[in-house]
Amino acid sequence: MINEKLEKAFNDQINAELYSEYFYLSMVAYFERMNLQGFKNWMNVQVQEEHAHAMGMFDYLQERGGKVTLQTIEAPKADWESPLEVFEDVLKHEQLVTSKINSLTDVADEVKDRAAVSFLDWYIKEQVEEEANVGNVLKTLKLICNDANCLYMLDKELAARTFVAPVIG
């Protein structure tokens, strides 16, 4: 049976991961309105990844005998001034998620739940990858500024991204 404090922390993180899915879905809608199908695709992959992250924790908590308690999901931002602003928000968001995963791991350490610490190690590594991926797109957007031709080329590049279901844990 999982520790009560850790169970609450996992439930809070499940909510954060589902919010992330919702947050990226809002960006899917934004890029659809802008007719940037590659950017939309990139965000759709994020939606799928965040859903997988939430379900990984959902399943893990149940496997450990914990009770999943779903919480209200806050409405995300829906409008941005530019793709650059979107990716600046994405980087801030991923940095926040990293801090939340680290805090969850701190609780697992505190209650001496080695299985949870081991499980969360995958998420810690995943966050390094998430921040790097976002950072690369952000650097490119800053480099191209508002050049429509370059934005078009980047949109085509982002269209190639595909979702690969993660093997969590």
C-alpha atoms as a PDB file:
ATOM      1  CA  MET A   1       0.000   0.000   0.000  1.00  0.00           C
ATOM      2  CA  ILE A   2       1.264   3.443  -0.881  1.00  0.00           C
ATOM      3  CA  ASN A   3       1.844   6.122   1.744  1.00  0.00           C
ATOM      4  CA  GLU A   4      -1.089   8.578   2.082  1.00  0.00           C
ATOM      5  CA  LYS A   5       1.085  11.675   1.558  1.00  0.00           C
ATOM      6  CA  LEU A   6       2.647  10.130  -1.543  1.00  0.00           C
ATOM      7  CA  GLU A   7      -0.793   9.111  -2.838  1.00  0.00           C
ATOM      8  CA  LYS A   8      -1.935  12.749  -2.604  1.00  0.00           C
ATOM      9  CA  ALA A   9       1.242  13.933  -4.332  1.00  0.00           C
ATOM     10  CA  PHE A  10       0.671  11.437  -7.168  1.00  0.00           C
ATOM     11  CA  ASN A  11      -2.933  12.594  -7.542  1.00  0.00           C
ATOM     12  CA  ASP A  12      -1.758  16.199  -7.729  1.00  0.00           C
ATOM     13  CA  GLN A  13       0.765  15.236 -10.413  1.00  0.00           C
ATOM     14  CA  ILE A  14      -1.853  13.308 -12.395  1.00  0.00           C
ATOM     15  CA  ASN A  15      -3.898  16.511 -12.390  1.00  0.00           C
ATOM     16  CA  ALA A  16      -0.856  18.510 -13.528  1.00  0.00           C
ATOM     17  CA  GLU A  17      -0.219  16.059 -16.380  1.00  0.00           C
ATOM     18  CA  LEU A  18      -3.862  16.205 -17.484  1.00  0.00           C
ATOM     19  CA  TYR A  19      -3.678  20.007 -17.341  1.00  0.00           C
ATOM     20  CA  SER A  20      -0.608  19.780 -19.584  1.00  0.00           C
ATOM     21  CA  GLU A  21      -2.614  17.724 -22.069  1.00  0.00           C
ATOM     22  CA  TYR A  22      -5.351  20.375 -21.975  1.00  0.00           C
ATOM     23  CA  PHE A  23      -2.772  23.185 -22.288  1.00  0.00           C
ATOM     24  CA  TYR A  24      -1.275  21.652 -25.428  1.00  0.00           C
ATOM     25  CA  LEU A  25      -4.742  20.955 -26.847  1.00  0.00           C
ATOM     26  CA  SER A  26      -5.431  24.688 -26.550  1.00  0.00           C
ATOM     27  CA  MET A  27      -2.299  25.279 -28.631  1.00  0.00           C
ATOM     28  CA  VAL A  28      -3.523  22.755 -31.212  1.00  0.00           C
ATOM     29  CA  ALA A  29      -6.630  24.910 -31.617  1.00  0.00           C
ATOM     30  CA  TYR A  30      -4.535  28.083 -31.848  1.00  0.00           C
ATOM     31  CA  PHE A  31      -2.301  26.674 -34.586  1.00  0.00           C
ATOM     32  CA  GLU A  32      -5.333  25.360 -36.472  1.00  0.00           C
ATOM     33  CA  ARG A  33      -6.733  28.903 -36.487  1.00  0.00           C
ATOM     34  CA  MET A  34      -3.377  30.139 -37.831  1.00  0.00           C
ATOM     35  CA  ASN A  35      -3.309  27.367 -40.466  1.00  0.00           C
ATOM     36  CA  LEU A  36       0.100  26.197 -39.255  1.00  0.00           C
ATOM     37  CA  GLN A  37      -0.464  22.462 -39.639  1.00  0.00           C
ATOM     38  CA  GLY A  38       3.105  21.449 -38.723  1.00  0.00           C
ATOM     39  CA  PHE A  39       2.966  23.397 -35.463  1.00  0.00           C
ATOM     40  CA  LYS A  40      -0.466  21.888 -34.847  1.00  0.00           C
ATOM     41  CA  ASN A  41       1.022  18.426 -35.394  1.00  0.00           C
ATOM     42  CA  TRP A  42       3.890  19.146 -32.977  1.00  0.00           C
ATOM     43  CA  MET A  43       1.369  20.128 -30.305  1.00  0.00           C
ATOM     44  CA  ASN A  44      -0.830  17.097 -31.049  1.00  0.00           C
ATOM     45  CA  VAL A  45       2.175  14.901 -30.303  1.00  0.00           C
ATOM     46  CA  GLN A  46       2.556  16.797 -27.009  1.00  0.00           C
ATOM     47  CA  VAL A  47      -1.122  16.156 -26.217  1.00  0.00           C
ATOM     48  CA  GLN A  48      -0.582  12.420 -26.702  1.00  0.00           C
ATOM     49  CA  GLU A  49       2.632  12.420 -24.655  1.00  0.00           C
ATOM     50  CA  GLU A  50       1.022  14.253 -21.737  1.00  0.00           C
ATOM     51  CA  HIS A  51      -1.912  11.857 -21.790  1.00  0.00           C
ATOM     52  CA  ALA A  52       0.516   8.924 -21.671  1.00  0.00           C
ATOM     53  CA  HIS A  53       2.397  10.548 -18.776  1.00  0.00           C
ATOM     54  CA  ALA A  54      -0.830  11.037 -16.809  1.00  0.00           C
ATOM     55  CA  MET A  55      -1.990   7.487 -17.483  1.00  0.00           C
ATOM     56  CA  GLY A  56       1.403   6.086 -16.487  1.00  0.00           C
ATOM     57  CA  MET A  57       1.004   7.676 -13.063  1.00  0.00           C
ATOM     58  CA  PHE A  58      -2.694   6.762 -12.922  1.00  0.00           C
ATOM     59  CA  ASP A  59      -1.887   3.093 -13.540  1.00  0.00           C
ATOM     60  CA  TYR A  60       1.099   3.135 -11.185  1.00  0.00           C
ATOM     61  CA  LEU A  61      -0.948   4.574  -8.323  1.00  0.00           C
ATOM     62  CA  GLN A  62      -3.613   1.908  -8.778  1.00  0.00           C
ATOM     63  CA  GLU A  63      -0.985  -0.828  -9.081  1.00  0.00           C
ATOM     64  CA  ARG A  64       0.387   0.273  -5.707  1.00  0.00           C
ATOM     65  CA  GLY A  65      -3.048   0.046  -4.081  1.00  0.00           C
ATOM     66  CA  GLY A  66      -3.600   3.801  -4.045  1.00  0.00           C
ATOM     67  CA  LYS A  67      -6.828   5.602  -4.761  1.00  0.00           C
ATOM     68  CA  VAL A  68      -6.910   7.815  -7.845  1.00  0.00           C
ATOM     69  CA  THR A  69      -8.785  11.022  -7.080  1.00  0.00           C
ATOM     70  CA  LEU A  70      -9.426  13.095 -10.175  1.00  0.00           C
ATOM     71  CA  GLN A  71      -9.449  16.843  -9.671  1.00  0.00           C
ATOM     72  CA  THR A  72     -10.772  19.824 -11.586  1.00  0.00           C
ATOM     73  CA  ILE A  73      -8.642  20.796 -14.564  1.00  0.00           C
ATOM     74  CA  GLU A  74      -8.053  24.526 -14.868  1.00  0.00           C
ATOM     75  CA  ALA A  75      -8.864  26.201 -18.192  1.00  0.00           C
ATOM     76  CA  PRO A  76      -5.661  26.922 -20.128  1.00  0.00           C
ATOM     77  CA  LYS A  77      -4.665  30.055 -21.997  1.00  0.00           C
ATOM     78  CA  ALA A  78      -6.195  30.100 -25.480  1.00  0.00           C
ATOM     79  CA  ASP A  79      -4.594  32.976 -27.393  1.00  0.00           C
ATOM     80  CA  TRP A  80      -1.067  34.062 -28.200  1.00  0.00           C
ATOM     81  CA  GLU A  81       0.501  36.816 -30.278  1.00  0.00           C
ATOM     82  CA  SER A  82       2.820  34.530 -32.231  1.00  0.00           C
ATOM     83  CA  PRO A  83       4.323  31.037 -32.461  1.00  0.00           C
ATOM     84  CA  LEU A  84       7.329  32.455 -30.597  1.00  0.00           C
ATOM     85  CA  GLU A  85       5.121  33.438 -27.653  1.00  0.00           C
ATOM     86  CA  VAL A  86       3.562  29.962 -27.691  1.00  0.00           C
ATOM     87  CA  PHE A  87       6.939  28.266 -27.387  1.00  0.00           C
ATOM     88  CA  GLU A  88       8.090  30.692 -24.697  1.00  0.00           C
ATOM     89  CA  ASP A  89       5.005  29.626 -22.722  1.00  0.00           C
ATOM     90  CA  VAL A  90       5.734  25.976 -23.489  1.00  0.00           C
ATOM     91  CA  LEU A  91       9.265  26.262 -22.092  1.00  0.00           C
ATOM     92  CA  LYS A  92       8.002  27.949 -18.908  1.00  0.00           C
ATOM     93  CA  HIS A  93       5.362  25.259 -18.583  1.00  0.00           C
ATOM     94  CA  GLU A  94       7.821  22.394 -19.030  1.00  0.00           C
ATOM     95  CA  GLN A  95      10.128  23.970 -16.445  1.00  0.00           C
ATOM     96  CA  LEU A  96       7.161  24.096 -14.047  1.00  0.00           C
ATOM     97  CA  VAL A  97       6.384  20.442 -14.761  1.00  0.00           C
ATOM     98  CA  THR A  98      10.017  19.571 -14.060  1.00  0.00           C
ATOM     99  CA  SER A  99       9.795  21.295 -10.674  1.00  0.00           C
ATOM    100  CA  LYS A 100       6.563  19.395  -9.892  1.00  0.00           C
ATOM    101  CA  ILE A 101       8.138  16.037 -10.816  1.00  0.00           C
ATOM    102  CA  ASN A 102      11.129  16.911  -8.632  1.00  0.00           C
ATOM    103  CA  SER A 103       8.789  17.780  -5.733  1.00  0.00           C
ATOM    104  CA  LEU A 104       6.931  14.502  -6.172  1.00  0.00           C
ATOM    105  CA  THR A 105      10.253  12.662  -6.104  1.00  0.00           C
ATOM    106  CA  ASP A 106      11.153  14.574  -2.922  1.00  0.00           C
ATOM    107  CA  VAL A 107       7.985  13.224  -1.276  1.00  0.00           C
ATOM    108  CA  ALA A 108       8.860   9.678  -2.409  1.00  0.00           C
ATOM    109  CA  ASP A 109      12.343  10.170  -0.894  1.00  0.00           C
ATOM    110  CA  GLU A 110      10.874  11.590   2.305  1.00  0.00           C
ATOM    111  CA  VAL A 111       8.607   8.586   2.864  1.00  0.00           C
ATOM    112  CA  LYS A 112      11.397   6.230   1.777  1.00  0.00           C
ATOM    113  CA  ASP A 113       9.402   4.674  -1.063  1.00  0.00           C
ATOM    114  CA  ARG A 114      12.202   3.306  -3.237  1.00  0.00           C
ATOM    115  CA  ALA A 115       9.787   1.831  -5.793  1.00  0.00           C
ATOM    116  CA  ALA A 116       8.223   5.255  -6.386  1.00  0.00           C
ATOM    117  CA  VAL A 117      11.654   6.901  -6.643  1.00  0.00           C
ATOM    118  CA  SER A 118      12.673   4.322  -9.229  1.00  0.00           C
ATOM    119  CA  PHE A 119       9.417   4.802 -11.150  1.00  0.00           C
ATOM    120  CA  LEU A 120       9.799   8.592 -11.146  1.00  0.00           C
ATOM    121  CA  ASP A 121      13.343   8.397 -12.501  1.00  0.00           C
ATOM    122  CA  TRP A 122      11.844   7.875 -15.983  1.00  0.00           C
ATOM    123  CA  TYR A 123       9.825  11.095 -15.634  1.00  0.00           C
ATOM    124  CA  ILE A 124      12.887  13.051 -14.524  1.00  0.00           C
ATOM    125  CA  LYS A 125      14.784  11.914 -17.622  1.00  0.00           C
ATOM    126  CA  GLU A 126      11.752  12.635 -19.802  1.00  0.00           C
ATOM    127  CA  GLN A 127      11.639  16.225 -18.550  1.00  0.00           C
ATOM    128  CA  VAL A 128      15.242  16.793 -19.610  1.00  0.00           C
ATOM    129  CA  GLU A 129      14.230  15.673 -23.119  1.00  0.00           C
ATOM    130  CA  GLU A 130      11.032  17.776 -23.074  1.00  0.00           C
ATOM    131  CA  GLU A 131      12.873  20.969 -22.159  1.00  0.00           C
ATOM    132  CA  ALA A 132      15.575  20.322 -24.762  1.00  0.00           C
ATOM    133  CA  ASN A 133      13.027  19.695 -27.548  1.00  0.00           C
ATOM    134  CA  VAL A 134      11.120  22.869 -26.741  1.00  0.00           C
ATOM    135  CA  GLY A 135      14.354  24.821 -26.395  1.00  0.00           C
ATOM    136  CA  ASN A 136      15.455  23.775 -29.888  1.00  0.00           C
ATOM    137  CA  VAL A 137      12.225  24.952 -31.514  1.00  0.00           C
ATOM    138  CA  LEU A 138      12.354  28.169 -29.488  1.00  0.00           C
ATOM    139  CA  LYS A 139      15.928  28.885 -30.628  1.00  0.00           C
ATOM    140  CA  THR A 140      14.893  28.408 -34.244  1.00  0.00           C
ATOM    141  CA  LEU A 141      11.877  30.698 -33.839  1.00  0.00           C
ATOM    142  CA  LYS A 142      14.102  33.400 -32.340  1.00  0.00           C
ATOM    143  CA  LEU A 143      16.557  32.967 -35.188  1.00  0.00           C
ATOM    144  CA  ILE A 144      13.970  33.350 -37.947  1.00  0.00           C
ATOM    145  CA  CYS A 145      12.121  36.251 -36.286  1.00  0.00           C
ATOM    146  CA  ASN A 146       9.044  37.018 -38.378  1.00  0.00           C
ATOM    147  CA  ASP A 147      10.339  35.749 -41.712  1.00  0.00           C
ATOM    148  CA  ALA A 148       7.290  34.110 -43.325  1.00  0.00           C
ATOM    149  CA  ASN A 149       9.380  31.875 -45.593  1.00  0.00           C
ATOM    150  CA  CYS A 150      11.382  30.537 -42.676  1.00  0.00           C
ATOM    151  CA  LEU A 151       8.226  30.046 -40.604  1.00  0.00           C
ATOM    152  CA  TYR A 152       6.748  28.067 -43.496  1.00  0.00           C
ATOM    153  CA  MET A 153       9.858  25.864 -43.645  1.00  0.00           C
ATOM    154  CA  LEU A 154       9.798  25.281 -39.890  1.00  0.00           C
ATOM    155  CA  ASP A 155       6.100  24.424 -40.103  1.00  0.00           C
ATOM    156  CA  LYS A 156       6.931  21.755 -42.694  1.00  0.00           C
ATOM    157  CA  GLU A 157       9.695  20.384 -40.465  1.00  0.00           C
ATOM    158  CA  LEU A 158       7.417  20.192 -37.408  1.00  0.00           C
ATOM    159  CA  ALA A 159       4.844  18.283 -39.463  1.00  0.00           C
ATOM    160  CA  ALA A 160       7.232  15.305 -39.533  1.00  0.00           C
ATOM    161  CA  ARG A 161       7.122  14.745 -35.749  1.00  0.00           C
ATOM    162  CA  THR A 162       5.351  11.541 -34.742  1.00  0.00           C
ATOM    163  CA  PHE A 163       4.105  10.169 -31.457  1.00  0.00           C
ATOM    164  CA  VAL A 164       5.897   7.131 -30.105  1.00  0.00           C
ATOM    165  CA  ALA A 165       4.158   5.615 -27.112  1.00  0.00           C
ATOM    166  CA  PRO A 166       6.559   5.746 -24.179  1.00  0.00           C
ATOM    167  CA  VAL A 167       7.556   2.752 -22.101  1.00  0.00           C
ATOM    168  CA  ILE A 168       7.202   4.279 -18.642  1.00  0.00           C
ATOM    169  CA  GLY A 169       8.947   2.947 -15.606  1.00  0.00           C
END
